[in-house]
PDB file of N, CA and C in Angstrom:
ATOM      1  N   MET A   1     -22.062  23.339 -42.211  1.00  0.00           N
ATOM      2  CA  MET A   1     -20.938  22.687 -41.567  1.00  0.00           C
ATOM      3  C   MET A   1     -19.659  23.068 -42.313  1.00  0.00           C
ATOM      4  N   LEU A   2     -18.640  23.315 -41.573  1.00  0.00           N
ATOM      5  CA  LEU A   2     -17.363  23.743 -42.139  1.00  0.00           C
ATOM      6  C   LEU A   2     -16.464  22.527 -42.322  1.00  0.00           C
ATOM      7  N   ASN A   3     -15.943  22.375 -43.537  1.00  0.00           N
ATOM      8  CA  ASN A   3     -15.045  21.242 -43.789  1.00  0.00           C
ATOM      9  C   ASN A   3     -13.598  21.670 -43.513  1.00  0.00           C
ATOM     10  N   PRO A   4     -12.667  20.725 -43.465  1.00  0.00           N
ATOM     11  CA  PRO A   4     -11.272  21.065 -43.157  1.00  0.00           C
ATOM     12  C   PRO A   4     -10.649  22.057 -44.142  1.00  0.00           C
ATOM     13  N   ARG A   5     -10.981  21.951 -45.418  1.00  0.00           N
ATOM     14  CA  ARG A   5     -10.429  22.901 -46.396  1.00  0.00           C
ATOM     15  C   ARG A   5     -10.929  24.318 -46.148  1.00  0.00           C
ATOM     16  N   GLY A   6     -12.199  24.436 -45.806  1.00  0.00           N
ATOM     17  CA  GLY A   6     -12.761  25.748 -45.504  1.00  0.00           C
ATOM     18  C   GLY A   6     -12.127  26.357 -44.265  1.00  0.00           C
ATOM     19  N   LEU A   7     -11.903  25.525 -43.265  1.00  0.00           N
ATOM     20  CA  LEU A   7     -11.250  25.998 -42.048  1.00  0.00           C
ATOM     21  C   LEU A   7      -9.815  26.435 -42.329  1.00  0.00           C
ATOM     22  N   LEU A   8      -9.101  25.678 -43.153  1.00  0.00           N
ATOM     23  CA  LEU A   8      -7.741  26.054 -43.531  1.00  0.00           C
ATOM     24  C   LEU A   8      -7.736  27.374 -44.296  1.00  0.00           C
ATOM     25  N   LEU A   9      -8.682  27.551 -45.175  1.00  0.00           N
ATOM     26  CA  LEU A   9      -8.782  28.789 -45.941  1.00  0.00           C
ATOM     27  C   LEU A   9      -9.029  29.989 -45.016  1.00  0.00           C
ATOM     28  N   ILE A  10      -9.929  29.821 -44.062  1.00  0.00           N
ATOM     29  CA  ILE A  10     -10.203  30.898 -43.110  1.00  0.00           C
ATOM     30  C   ILE A  10      -8.949  31.227 -42.301  1.00  0.00           C
ATOM     31  N   ALA A  11      -8.235  30.205 -41.861  1.00  0.00           N
ATOM     32  CA  ALA A  11      -7.007  30.425 -41.081  1.00  0.00           C
ATOM     33  C   ALA A  11      -5.949  31.142 -41.917  1.00  0.00           C
ATOM     34  N   LEU A  12      -5.781  30.741 -43.165  1.00  0.00           N
ATOM     35  CA  LEU A  12      -4.800  31.384 -44.033  1.00  0.00           C
ATOM     36  C   LEU A  12      -5.170  32.832 -44.339  1.00  0.00           C
ATOM     37  N   LEU A  13      -6.453  33.088 -44.553  1.00  0.00           N
ATOM     38  CA  LEU A  13      -6.894  34.463 -44.788  1.00  0.00           C
ATOM     39  C   LEU A  13      -6.679  35.326 -43.546  1.00  0.00           C
ATOM     40  N   GLY A  14      -6.935  34.774 -42.378  1.00  0.00           N
ATOM     41  CA  GLY A  14      -6.706  35.507 -41.140  1.00  0.00           C
ATOM     42  C   GLY A  14      -5.231  35.814 -40.932  1.00  0.00           C
ATOM     43  N   CYS A  15      -4.378  34.839 -41.182  1.00  0.00           N
ATOM     44  CA  CYS A  15      -2.932  35.055 -41.040  1.00  0.00           C
ATOM     45  C   CYS A  15      -2.432  36.076 -42.056  1.00  0.00           C
ATOM     46  N   GLY A  16      -2.929  35.983 -43.277  1.00  0.00           N
ATOM     47  CA  GLY A  16      -2.528  36.938 -44.312  1.00  0.00           C
ATOM     48  C   GLY A  16      -2.968  38.349 -43.983  1.00  0.00           C
ATOM     49  N   SER A  17      -4.190  38.499 -43.504  1.00  0.00           N
ATOM     50  CA  SER A  17      -4.685  39.823 -43.115  1.00  0.00           C
ATOM     51  C   SER A  17      -3.880  40.393 -41.955  1.00  0.00           C
ATOM     52  N   ALA A  18      -3.573  39.552 -40.990  1.00  0.00           N
ATOM     53  CA  ALA A  18      -2.776  40.012 -39.843  1.00  0.00           C
ATOM     54  C   ALA A  18      -1.381  40.442 -40.293  1.00  0.00           C
ATOM     55  N   ALA A  19      -0.795  39.707 -41.223  1.00  0.00           N
ATOM     56  CA  ALA A  19       0.542  40.046 -41.709  1.00  0.00           C
ATOM     57  C   ALA A  19       0.528  41.350 -42.509  1.00  0.00           C
ATOM     58  N   VAL A  20      -0.511  41.558 -43.291  1.00  0.00           N
ATOM     59  CA  VAL A  20      -0.584  42.768 -44.116  1.00  0.00           C
ATOM     60  C   VAL A  20      -0.886  43.992 -43.258  1.00  0.00           C
ATOM     61  N   PHE A  21      -1.947  43.919 -42.457  1.00  0.00           N
ATOM     62  CA  PHE A  21      -2.386  45.091 -41.716  1.00  0.00           C
ATOM     63  C   PHE A  21      -1.668  45.259 -40.376  1.00  0.00           C
ATOM     64  N   GLY A  22      -0.907  44.276 -39.957  1.00  0.00           N
ATOM     65  CA  GLY A  22      -0.169  44.371 -38.707  1.00  0.00           C
ATOM     66  C   GLY A  22       1.322  44.493 -38.905  1.00  0.00           C
ATOM     67  N   ALA A  23       1.749  44.987 -40.049  1.00  0.00           N
ATOM     68  CA  ALA A  23       3.184  45.075 -40.344  1.00  0.00           C
ATOM     69  C   ALA A  23       3.908  46.024 -39.399  1.00  0.00           C
ATOM     70  N   ALA A  24       3.290  47.135 -39.040  1.00  0.00           N
ATOM     71  CA  ALA A  24       3.944  48.109 -38.158  1.00  0.00           C
ATOM     72  C   ALA A  24       4.169  47.556 -36.753  1.00  0.00           C
ATOM     73  N   PRO A  25       3.145  46.967 -36.103  1.00  0.00           N
ATOM     74  CA  PRO A  25       3.411  46.426 -34.774  1.00  0.00           C
ATOM     75  C   PRO A  25       4.346  45.221 -34.814  1.00  0.00           C
ATOM     76  N   LEU A  26       4.321  44.465 -35.905  1.00  0.00           N
ATOM     77  CA  LEU A  26       5.243  43.338 -36.042  1.00  0.00           C
ATOM     78  C   LEU A  26       6.685  43.839 -36.080  1.00  0.00           C
ATOM     79  N   ALA A  27       6.940  44.878 -36.858  1.00  0.00           N
ATOM     80  CA  ALA A  27       8.292  45.427 -36.947  1.00  0.00           C
ATOM     81  C   ALA A  27       8.729  46.018 -35.605  1.00  0.00           C
ATOM     82  N   ALA A  28       7.811  46.668 -34.899  1.00  0.00           N
ATOM     83  CA  ALA A  28       8.140  47.235 -33.588  1.00  0.00           C
ATOM     84  C   ALA A  28       8.439  46.131 -32.583  1.00  0.00           C
ATOM     85  N   TRP A  29       7.685  45.051 -32.643  1.00  0.00           N
ATOM     86  CA  TRP A  29       7.915  43.929 -31.734  1.00  0.00           C
ATOM     87  C   TRP A  29       9.283  43.309 -31.983  1.00  0.00           C
ATOM     88  N   VAL A  30       9.647  43.128 -33.253  1.00  0.00           N
ATOM     89  CA  VAL A  30      10.951  42.548 -33.583  1.00  0.00           C
ATOM     90  C   VAL A  30      12.072  43.480 -33.128  1.00  0.00           C
ATOM     91  N   ASP A  31      11.890  44.785 -33.300  1.00  0.00           N
ATOM     92  CA  ASP A  31      12.906  45.749 -32.849  1.00  0.00           C
ATOM     93  C   ASP A  31      13.143  45.656 -31.344  1.00  0.00           C
ATOM     94  N   ALA A  32      12.094  45.389 -30.583  1.00  0.00           N
ATOM     95  CA  ALA A  32      12.205  45.339 -29.123  1.00  0.00           C
ATOM     96  C   ALA A  32      12.613  43.963 -28.599  1.00  0.00           C
ATOM     97  N   SER A  33      12.687  42.971 -29.463  1.00  0.00           N
ATOM     98  CA  SER A  33      12.978  41.610 -29.020  1.00  0.00           C
ATOM     99  C   SER A  33      14.463  41.283 -29.185  1.00  0.00           C
ATOM    100  N   ASN A  34      14.793  40.050 -28.872  1.00  0.00           N
ATOM    101  CA  ASN A  34      16.171  39.579 -29.033  1.00  0.00           C
ATOM    102  C   ASN A  34      16.546  39.383 -30.500  1.00  0.00           C
ATOM    103  N   ALA A  35      15.582  39.492 -31.387  1.00  0.00           N
ATOM    104  CA  ALA A  35      15.837  39.305 -32.817  1.00  0.00           C
ATOM    105  C   ALA A  35      16.402  40.568 -33.462  1.00  0.00           C
ATOM    106  N   ASN A  36      16.644  41.595 -32.653  1.00  0.00           N
ATOM    107  CA  ASN A  36      17.161  42.862 -33.163  1.00  0.00           C
ATOM    108  C   ASN A  36      18.531  42.637 -33.821  1.00  0.00           C
ATOM    109  N   GLY A  37      18.685  43.113 -35.045  1.00  0.00           N
ATOM    110  CA  GLY A  37      19.946  42.983 -35.767  1.00  0.00           C
ATOM    111  C   GLY A  37      20.107  41.671 -36.505  1.00  0.00           C
ATOM    112  N   THR A  38      19.062  40.906 -36.634  1.00  0.00           N
ATOM    113  CA  THR A  38      19.142  39.608 -37.296  1.00  0.00           C
ATOM    114  C   THR A  38      18.398  39.641 -38.629  1.00  0.00           C
ATOM    115  N   ALA A  39      18.408  38.505 -39.297  1.00  0.00           N
ATOM    116  CA  ALA A  39      17.672  38.377 -40.560  1.00  0.00           C
ATOM    117  C   ALA A  39      16.175  38.539 -40.330  1.00  0.00           C
ATOM    118  N   VAL A  40      15.704  38.184 -39.136  1.00  0.00           N
ATOM    119  CA  VAL A  40      14.283  38.353 -38.824  1.00  0.00           C
ATOM    120  C   VAL A  40      13.916  39.840 -38.834  1.00  0.00           C
ATOM    121  N   GLN A  41      14.779  40.664 -38.248  1.00  0.00           N
ATOM    122  CA  GLN A  41      14.512  42.102 -38.248  1.00  0.00           C
ATOM    123  C   GLN A  41      14.568  42.653 -39.669  1.00  0.00           C
ATOM    124  N   GLN A  42      15.506  42.206 -40.458  1.00  0.00           N
ATOM    125  CA  GLN A  42      15.594  42.671 -41.843  1.00  0.00           C
ATOM    126  C   GLN A  42      14.338  42.296 -42.612  1.00  0.00           C
ATOM    127  N   ALA A  43      13.845  41.089 -42.376  1.00  0.00           N
ATOM    128  CA  ALA A  43      12.621  40.656 -43.052  1.00  0.00           C
ATOM    129  C   ALA A  43      11.420  41.485 -42.599  1.00  0.00           C
ATOM    130  N   ALA A  44      11.313  41.731 -41.288  1.00  0.00           N
ATOM    131  CA  ALA A  44      10.194  42.527 -40.767  1.00  0.00           C
ATOM    132  C   ALA A  44      10.251  43.958 -41.284  1.00  0.00           C
ATOM    133  N   ASP A  45      11.438  44.541 -41.303  1.00  0.00           N
ATOM    134  CA  ASP A  45      11.582  45.907 -41.818  1.00  0.00           C
ATOM    135  C   ASP A  45      11.273  45.979 -43.311  1.00  0.00           C
ATOM    136  N   GLY A  46      11.714  44.975 -44.056  1.00  0.00           N
ATOM    137  CA  GLY A  46      11.407  44.921 -45.484  1.00  0.00           C
ATOM    138  C   GLY A  46       9.921  44.770 -45.740  1.00  0.00           C
ATOM    139  N   TRP A  47       9.264  43.942 -44.921  1.00  0.00           N
ATOM    140  CA  TRP A  47       7.815  43.745 -45.049  1.00  0.00           C
ATOM    141  C   TRP A  47       7.074  45.048 -44.737  1.00  0.00           C
ATOM    142  N   LEU A  48       7.501  45.751 -43.683  1.00  0.00           N
ATOM    143  CA  LEU A  48       6.877  47.021 -43.327  1.00  0.00           C
ATOM    144  C   LEU A  48       7.038  48.033 -44.455  1.00  0.00           C
ATOM    145  N   LEU A  49       8.225  48.118 -45.028  1.00  0.00           N
ATOM    146  CA  LEU A  49       8.460  49.049 -46.134  1.00  0.00           C
ATOM    147  C   LEU A  49       7.577  48.718 -47.331  1.00  0.00           C
ATOM    148  N   LEU A  50       7.440  47.435 -47.629  1.00  0.00           N
ATOM    149  CA  LEU A  50       6.591  47.010 -48.744  1.00  0.00           C
ATOM    150  C   LEU A  50       5.131  47.390 -48.493  1.00  0.00           C
ATOM    151  N   MET A  51       4.651  47.173 -47.267  1.00  0.00           N
ATOM    152  CA  MET A  51       3.267  47.510 -46.940  1.00  0.00           C
ATOM    153  C   MET A  51       3.048  49.022 -46.958  1.00  0.00           C
ATOM    154  N   GLN A  52       4.054  49.796 -46.531  1.00  0.00           N
ATOM    155  CA  GLN A  52       3.931  51.254 -46.581  1.00  0.00           C
ATOM    156  C   GLN A  52       3.888  51.745 -48.014  1.00  0.00           C
ATOM    157  N   ARG A  53       4.717  51.177 -48.865  1.00  0.00           N
ATOM    158  CA  ARG A  53       4.715  51.578 -50.283  1.00  0.00           C
ATOM    159  C   ARG A  53       3.392  51.249 -50.954  1.00  0.00           C
ATOM    160  N   ALA A  54       2.765  50.144 -50.528  1.00  0.00           N
ATOM    161  CA  ALA A  54       1.481  49.739 -51.095  1.00  0.00           C
ATOM    162  C   ALA A  54       0.319  50.504 -50.470  1.00  0.00           C
ATOM    163  N   GLY A  55       0.594  51.270 -49.410  1.00  0.00           N
ATOM    164  CA  GLY A  55      -0.455  52.033 -48.747  1.00  0.00           C
ATOM    165  C   GLY A  55      -1.313  51.203 -47.808  1.00  0.00           C
ATOM    166  N   LEU A  56      -0.850  50.016 -47.455  1.00  0.00           N
ATOM    167  CA  LEU A  56      -1.647  49.138 -46.607  1.00  0.00           C
ATOM    168  C   LEU A  56      -1.400  49.348 -45.120  1.00  0.00           C
ATOM    169  N   ASP A  57      -0.616  50.350 -44.771  1.00  0.00           N
ATOM    170  CA  ASP A  57      -0.425  50.679 -43.362  1.00  0.00           C
ATOM    171  C   ASP A  57      -1.460  51.697 -42.885  1.00  0.00           C
ATOM    172  N   ARG A  58      -2.203  52.277 -43.795  1.00  0.00           N
ATOM    173  CA  ARG A  58      -3.174  53.304 -43.439  1.00  0.00           C
ATOM    174  C   ARG A  58      -4.319  52.785 -42.565  1.00  0.00           C
ATOM    175  N   PRO A  59      -4.884  51.594 -42.825  1.00  0.00           N
ATOM    176  CA  PRO A  59      -5.968  51.124 -41.934  1.00  0.00           C
ATOM    177  C   PRO A  59      -5.499  50.978 -40.491  1.00  0.00           C
ATOM    178  N   TYR A  60      -4.319  50.466 -40.262  1.00  0.00           N
ATOM    179  CA  TYR A  60      -3.795  50.318 -38.906  1.00  0.00           C
ATOM    180  C   TYR A  60      -3.621  51.688 -38.257  1.00  0.00           C
ATOM    181  N   ASP A  61      -3.043  52.625 -38.996  1.00  0.00           N
ATOM    182  CA  ASP A  61      -2.831  53.969 -38.458  1.00  0.00           C
ATOM    183  C   ASP A  61      -4.160  54.657 -38.130  1.00  0.00           C
ATOM    184  N   SER A  62      -5.168  54.452 -38.971  1.00  0.00           N
ATOM    185  CA  SER A  62      -6.478  55.070 -38.740  1.00  0.00           C
ATOM    186  C   SER A  62      -7.138  54.517 -37.482  1.00  0.00           C
ATOM    187  N   VAL A  63      -7.118  53.212 -37.333  1.00  0.00           N
ATOM    188  CA  VAL A  63      -7.722  52.591 -36.147  1.00  0.00           C
ATOM    189  C   VAL A  63      -6.972  53.023 -34.893  1.00  0.00           C
ATOM    190  N   ARG A  64      -5.662  53.040 -34.960  1.00  0.00           N
ATOM    191  CA  ARG A  64      -4.860  53.449 -33.808  1.00  0.00           C
ATOM    192  C   ARG A  64      -5.155  54.894 -33.411  1.00  0.00           C
ATOM    193  N   ARG A  65      -5.281  55.778 -34.387  1.00  0.00           N
ATOM    194  CA  ARG A  65      -5.580  57.177 -34.116  1.00  0.00           C
ATOM    195  C   ARG A  65      -6.971  57.324 -33.478  1.00  0.00           C
ATOM    196  N   GLU A  66      -7.957  56.590 -33.991  1.00  0.00           N
ATOM    197  CA  GLU A  66      -9.314  56.664 -33.442  1.00  0.00           C
ATOM    198  C   GLU A  66      -9.358  56.162 -31.999  1.00  0.00           C
ATOM    199  N   VAL A  67      -8.637  55.099 -31.700  1.00  0.00           N
ATOM    200  CA  VAL A  67      -8.598  54.573 -30.331  1.00  0.00           C
ATOM    201  C   VAL A  67      -7.965  55.594 -29.396  1.00  0.00           C
ATOM    202  N   ARG A  68      -6.874  56.202 -29.824  1.00  0.00           N
ATOM    203  CA  ARG A  68      -6.225  57.220 -28.996  1.00  0.00           C
ATOM    204  C   ARG A  68      -7.130  58.432 -28.782  1.00  0.00           C
ATOM    205  N   ASP A  69      -7.851  58.843 -29.817  1.00  0.00           N
ATOM    206  CA  ASP A  69      -8.777  59.970 -29.673  1.00  0.00           C
ATOM    207  C   ASP A  69      -9.904  59.624 -28.703  1.00  0.00           C
ATOM    208  N   ALA A  70     -10.429  58.415 -28.801  1.00  0.00           N
ATOM    209  CA  ALA A  70     -11.502  57.985 -27.900  1.00  0.00           C
ATOM    210  C   ALA A  70     -11.006  57.917 -26.459  1.00  0.00           C
ATOM    211  N   GLU A  71      -9.792  57.424 -26.271  1.00  0.00           N
ATOM    212  CA  GLU A  71      -9.223  57.387 -24.918  1.00  0.00           C
ATOM    213  C   GLU A  71      -9.028  58.795 -24.375  1.00  0.00           C
ATOM    214  N   ALA A  72      -8.580  59.713 -25.214  1.00  0.00           N
ATOM    215  CA  ALA A  72      -8.372  61.086 -24.767  1.00  0.00           C
ATOM    216  C   ALA A  72      -9.683  61.728 -24.349  1.00  0.00           C
ATOM    217  N   VAL A  73     -10.743  61.470 -25.092  1.00  0.00           N
ATOM    218  CA  VAL A  73     -12.053  62.019 -24.752  1.00  0.00           C
ATOM    219  C   VAL A  73     -12.547  61.395 -23.446  1.00  0.00           C
ATOM    220  N   HIS A  74     -12.416  60.096 -23.338  1.00  0.00           N
ATOM    221  CA  HIS A  74     -12.913  59.397 -22.145  1.00  0.00           C
ATOM    222  C   HIS A  74     -12.154  59.813 -20.895  1.00  0.00           C
ATOM    223  N   PHE A  75     -10.859  59.747 -20.937  1.00  0.00           N
ATOM    224  CA  PHE A  75     -10.061  60.050 -19.750  1.00  0.00           C
ATOM    225  C   PHE A  75      -9.933  61.550 -19.505  1.00  0.00           C
ATOM    226  N   GLY A  76     -10.049  62.330 -20.548  1.00  0.00           N
ATOM    227  CA  GLY A  76      -9.994  63.773 -20.386  1.00  0.00           C
ATOM    228  C   GLY A  76     -11.260  64.322 -19.732  1.00  0.00           C
ATOM    229  N   ALA A  77     -12.384  63.642 -19.957  1.00  0.00           N
ATOM    230  CA  ALA A  77     -13.656  64.074 -19.390  1.00  0.00           C
ATOM    231  C   ALA A  77     -13.730  63.813 -17.892  1.00  0.00           C
ATOM    232  N   ASN A  78     -12.934  62.856 -17.396  1.00  0.00           N
ATOM    233  CA  ASN A  78     -12.963  62.516 -15.966  1.00  0.00           C
ATOM    234  C   ASN A  78     -12.119  63.447 -15.124  1.00  0.00           C
ATOM    235  N   ASN A  79     -11.294  64.268 -15.707  1.00  0.00           N
ATOM    236  CA  ASN A  79     -10.400  65.137 -14.923  1.00  0.00           C
ATOM    237  C   ASN A  79     -11.083  66.382 -14.454  1.00  0.00           C
TER     238      ASN A  79
END
């Protein structure tokens, strides 16, 4: 049985993982939103730069590349 502290820990770990490994799409979303040119955009861009310097953007880029390759194989085979 999961207690409230355990559930909170799981939620915090999930949010932290999403923030670390999702920095690139977060920054792109902020750029495309009404928050463009605000402190929110500066924070998102700073976070993305920090994650890139730490090398933590590589897992996202790898997964994205694999999905695109799989789509190319799948849709390319139907033509």
